[in-house]
N, C-alpha and C. Protein backbone atom coordinates (compact mmCIF):
# COMPACT_ATOMS: atom_id res chain seq x y z
N MET A 1 3.50 -11.87 5.42
CA MET A 1 4.27 -11.17 6.02
C MET A 1 5.02 -12.28 7.29
N ASN A 2 6.69 -11.81 6.93
CA ASN A 2 7.63 -12.26 7.29
C ASN A 2 6.97 -11.76 9.29
N LEU A 3 8.50 -12.11 10.18
CA LEU A 3 8.27 -11.39 10.84
C LEU A 3 9.50 -9.96 11.03
N TRP A 4 10.72 -9.82 9.87
CA TRP A 4 11.68 -8.85 9.60
C TRP A 4 10.12 -7.51 8.81
N GLN A 5 9.13 -7.85 8.16
CA GLN A 5 8.38 -6.87 8.05
C GLN A 5 7.65 -7.04 8.46
N ARG A 6 6.43 -7.28 10.21
CA ARG A 6 6.08 -7.02 10.74
C ARG A 6 7.37 -5.94 11.23
N PHE A 7 7.71 -6.45 11.73
CA PHE A 7 8.51 -4.94 12.62
C PHE A 7 8.40 -4.00 12.28
N VAL A 8 8.92 -3.67 11.04
CA VAL A 8 9.05 -2.87 10.44
C VAL A 8 8.02 -2.30 9.99
N LEU A 9 7.37 -2.69 9.84
CA LEU A 9 5.40 -2.25 9.91
C LEU A 9 5.44 -1.23 10.57
N TRP A 10 5.07 -2.18 12.43
CA TRP A 10 4.76 -1.55 13.42
C TRP A 10 5.87 -0.18 13.80
N LEU A 11 7.65 -0.61 13.00
CA LEU A 11 8.54 0.54 14.07
C LEU A 11 8.74 2.07 12.84
N ASN A 12 8.13 1.59 11.99
CA ASN A 12 8.09 3.21 10.53
C ASN A 12 6.42 3.30 9.52
N GLY A 13 5.39 2.76 10.35
CA GLY A 13 4.23 2.43 9.51
C GLY A 13 3.27 2.14 8.07
N TYR A 14 5.19 1.41 7.79
CA TYR A 14 4.95 0.64 6.54
C TYR A 14 6.51 -0.39 5.88
N VAL A 15 5.93 -0.60 5.31
CA VAL A 15 6.90 -2.05 4.51
C VAL A 15 6.78 -2.49 3.58
N TYR A 16 7.85 -2.53 2.95
CA TYR A 16 8.22 -2.29 0.98
C TYR A 16 8.03 -4.03 0.99
N VAL A 17 7.22 -4.57 0.22
CA VAL A 17 6.34 -6.21 0.38
C VAL A 17 7.00 -6.40 -0.53
N GLY A 18 7.21 -5.96 -1.90
CA GLY A 18 7.79 -6.78 -3.70
C GLY A 18 7.05 -5.36 -4.25
N ASP A 19 7.60 -4.99 -5.08
CA ASP A 19 7.40 -5.17 -7.07
C ASP A 19 6.42 -5.53 -7.78
N ARG A 20 5.17 -5.48 -7.96
CA ARG A 20 4.03 -6.09 -8.39
C ARG A 20 3.86 -4.82 -10.22
N LYS A 21 2.84 -5.78 -10.45
CA LYS A 21 2.73 -5.60 -12.39
C LYS A 21 1.43 -5.95 -12.40
N ARG A 22 0.12 -4.63 -12.84
CA ARG A 22 -1.61 -5.16 -12.44
C ARG A 22 -0.87 -5.03 -13.97
N ASN A 23 -2.64 -5.74 -14.57
CA ASN A 23 -2.75 -5.43 -15.93
C ASN A 23 -3.19 -4.23 -16.42
N GLY A 24 -2.00 -4.09 -17.50
CA GLY A 24 -2.01 -2.81 -18.49
C GLY A 24 -0.82 -2.07 -18.60
N TRP A 25 0.25 -1.85 -17.09
CA TRP A 25 1.20 -0.99 -16.89
C TRP A 25 1.98 -2.20 -17.67
N LYS A 26 3.44 -0.85 -17.72
CA LYS A 26 4.47 -1.51 -18.51
C LYS A 26 5.58 -1.70 -17.11
N SER A 27 5.48 -1.81 -16.67
CA SER A 27 6.49 -2.80 -16.08
C SER A 27 6.23 -2.57 -14.39
N PRO A 28 6.74 -3.30 -13.27
CA PRO A 28 6.27 -2.79 -12.14
C PRO A 28 7.21 -2.16 -11.05
N ILE A 29 6.07 -1.62 -9.91
CA ILE A 29 6.43 -0.95 -9.14
C ILE A 29 5.83 -1.56 -7.49
N PRO A 30 7.03 -0.67 -7.06
CA PRO A 30 7.22 -0.49 -5.69
C PRO A 30 5.69 -0.54 -5.17
N PHE A 31 5.55 -2.00 -3.63
CA PHE A 31 4.38 -1.47 -3.08
C PHE A 31 4.45 -2.32 -1.43
N TYR A 32 4.08 -1.17 -0.90
CA TYR A 32 3.63 -0.76 0.32
C TYR A 32 3.02 -1.74 0.93
N ALA A 33 2.91 -2.20 2.68
CA ALA A 33 1.46 -2.36 3.61
C ALA A 33 1.76 -1.26 4.43
N PHE A 34 0.58 -1.22 4.69
CA PHE A 34 0.30 -0.06 5.79
C PHE A 34 -0.62 -0.21 6.09
N ARG A 35 -1.03 -0.15 7.49
CA ARG A 35 -2.45 -0.13 8.54
C ARG A 35 -3.20 1.21 8.00
N CYS A 36 -4.43 0.64 7.87
CA CYS A 36 -5.62 1.81 7.69
C CYS A 36 -6.29 1.63 9.44
N PRO A 37 -6.96 2.98 9.28
CA PRO A 37 -7.47 2.80 10.96
C PRO A 37 -9.16 2.46 10.21
N ILE A 38 -9.13 1.87 9.64
CA ILE A 38 -10.63 1.51 9.64
C ILE A 38 -10.00 -0.21 8.71
N HIS A 39 -9.38 -0.05 7.45
CA HIS A 39 -9.59 -1.19 7.09
C HIS A 39 -8.22 -2.59 8.22
N GLY A 40 -7.28 -1.99 8.42
CA GLY A 40 -6.52 -3.23 8.76
C GLY A 40 -5.32 -2.81 8.55
N ILE A 41 -3.97 -3.46 8.09
CA ILE A 41 -3.20 -3.56 7.08
C ILE A 41 -3.72 -4.07 6.18
N VAL A 42 -3.65 -3.28 5.25
CA VAL A 42 -3.52 -3.19 3.59
C VAL A 42 -2.25 -3.00 2.74
N GLU A 43 -2.34 -3.15 1.65
CA GLU A 43 -0.98 -3.16 0.72
C GLU A 43 -1.20 -2.27 -0.48
N ASP A 44 -0.85 -1.26 -1.72
CA ASP A 44 -1.15 -0.74 -2.07
C ASP A 44 0.04 0.12 -3.00
N TYR A 45 0.02 0.96 -3.95
CA TYR A 45 1.42 1.64 -4.26
C TYR A 45 1.33 2.36 -3.75
N ALA A 46 2.90 3.54 -4.25
CA ALA A 46 2.38 5.48 -3.57
C ALA A 46 1.49 5.84 -4.39
N HIS A 47 1.00 6.52 -4.65
CA HIS A 47 0.20 8.27 -5.68
C HIS A 47 1.24 8.98 -4.97
N GLY A 48 0.77 9.80 -6.44
CA GLY A 48 0.56 10.76 -6.89
C GLY A 48 2.29 11.71 -6.67
N THR A 49 2.36 12.98 -6.44
CA THR A 49 3.86 13.34 -7.00
C THR A 49 3.97 13.22 -5.14
N ASN A 50 3.18 13.88 -3.90
CA ASN A 50 4.02 13.14 -3.00
C ASN A 50 3.89 11.82 -2.31
N GLN A 51 3.34 11.39 -3.34
CA GLN A 51 3.76 9.63 -3.24
C GLN A 51 3.41 8.99 -2.03
N ARG A 52 2.39 8.91 -1.49
CA ARG A 52 1.21 8.85 -0.75
C ARG A 52 0.16 7.55 -0.56
N LEU A 53 0.53 6.89 0.47
CA LEU A 53 -0.51 5.97 0.53
C LEU A 53 -1.75 6.27 1.16
N GLU A 54 -2.28 5.34 0.29
CA GLU A 54 -3.90 5.82 -0.13
C GLU A 54 -4.46 3.75 0.12
N CYS A 55 -6.03 4.09 1.49
CA CYS A 55 -6.46 2.65 1.49
C CYS A 55 -7.03 2.12 0.03
N PRO A 56 -6.83 0.84 -0.41
CA PRO A 56 -7.56 0.22 -1.70
C PRO A 56 -8.92 1.35 -1.38
N HIS A 57 -9.49 0.69 -0.29
CA HIS A 57 -10.92 -0.50 0.04
C HIS A 57 -11.23 1.26 0.46
N CYS A 58 -10.53 2.79 1.37
CA CYS A 58 -11.15 3.82 0.96
C CYS A 58 -10.42 4.83 -0.13
N ARG A 59 -10.24 4.72 -1.22
CA ARG A 59 -10.38 5.31 -2.28
C ARG A 59 -11.15 5.25 -3.24
N LYS A 60 -11.73 3.31 -2.55
CA LYS A 60 -12.62 2.89 -3.81
C LYS A 60 -14.35 4.07 -3.14
N VAL A 61 -14.46 3.70 -1.72
CA VAL A 61 -15.31 4.14 -1.17
C VAL A 61 -16.22 5.96 -2.04
N LYS A 62 -14.75 6.52 -1.15
CA LYS A 62 -14.76 8.12 -2.05
C LYS A 62 -14.89 8.32 -3.20
N LYS A 63 -13.47 7.79 -3.34
CA LYS A 63 -14.31 7.99 -5.55
C LYS A 63 -16.33 7.27 -5.87
N SER A 64 -16.90 6.07 -5.44
CA SER A 64 -18.46 6.50 -5.66
C SER A 64 -19.01 7.07 -4.93
N GLY A 65 -18.92 8.02 -4.34
CA GLY A 65 -18.65 9.17 -3.50
C GLY A 65 -20.15 9.52 -2.41
């Protein structure tokens, strides 16, 4: 992240870092960097109808139960 993105992250709690496309996806979607209280700064896309940001590491732990 550049200095401006770090500032926006500090100010808003999240910052847009670019569009990404994963295998099997039809088109790229916006990804954001944000701070997880456990894992620090992580990147992911907004999930669900509420468009919430979830730490991908915490989500893996939650799924494995």
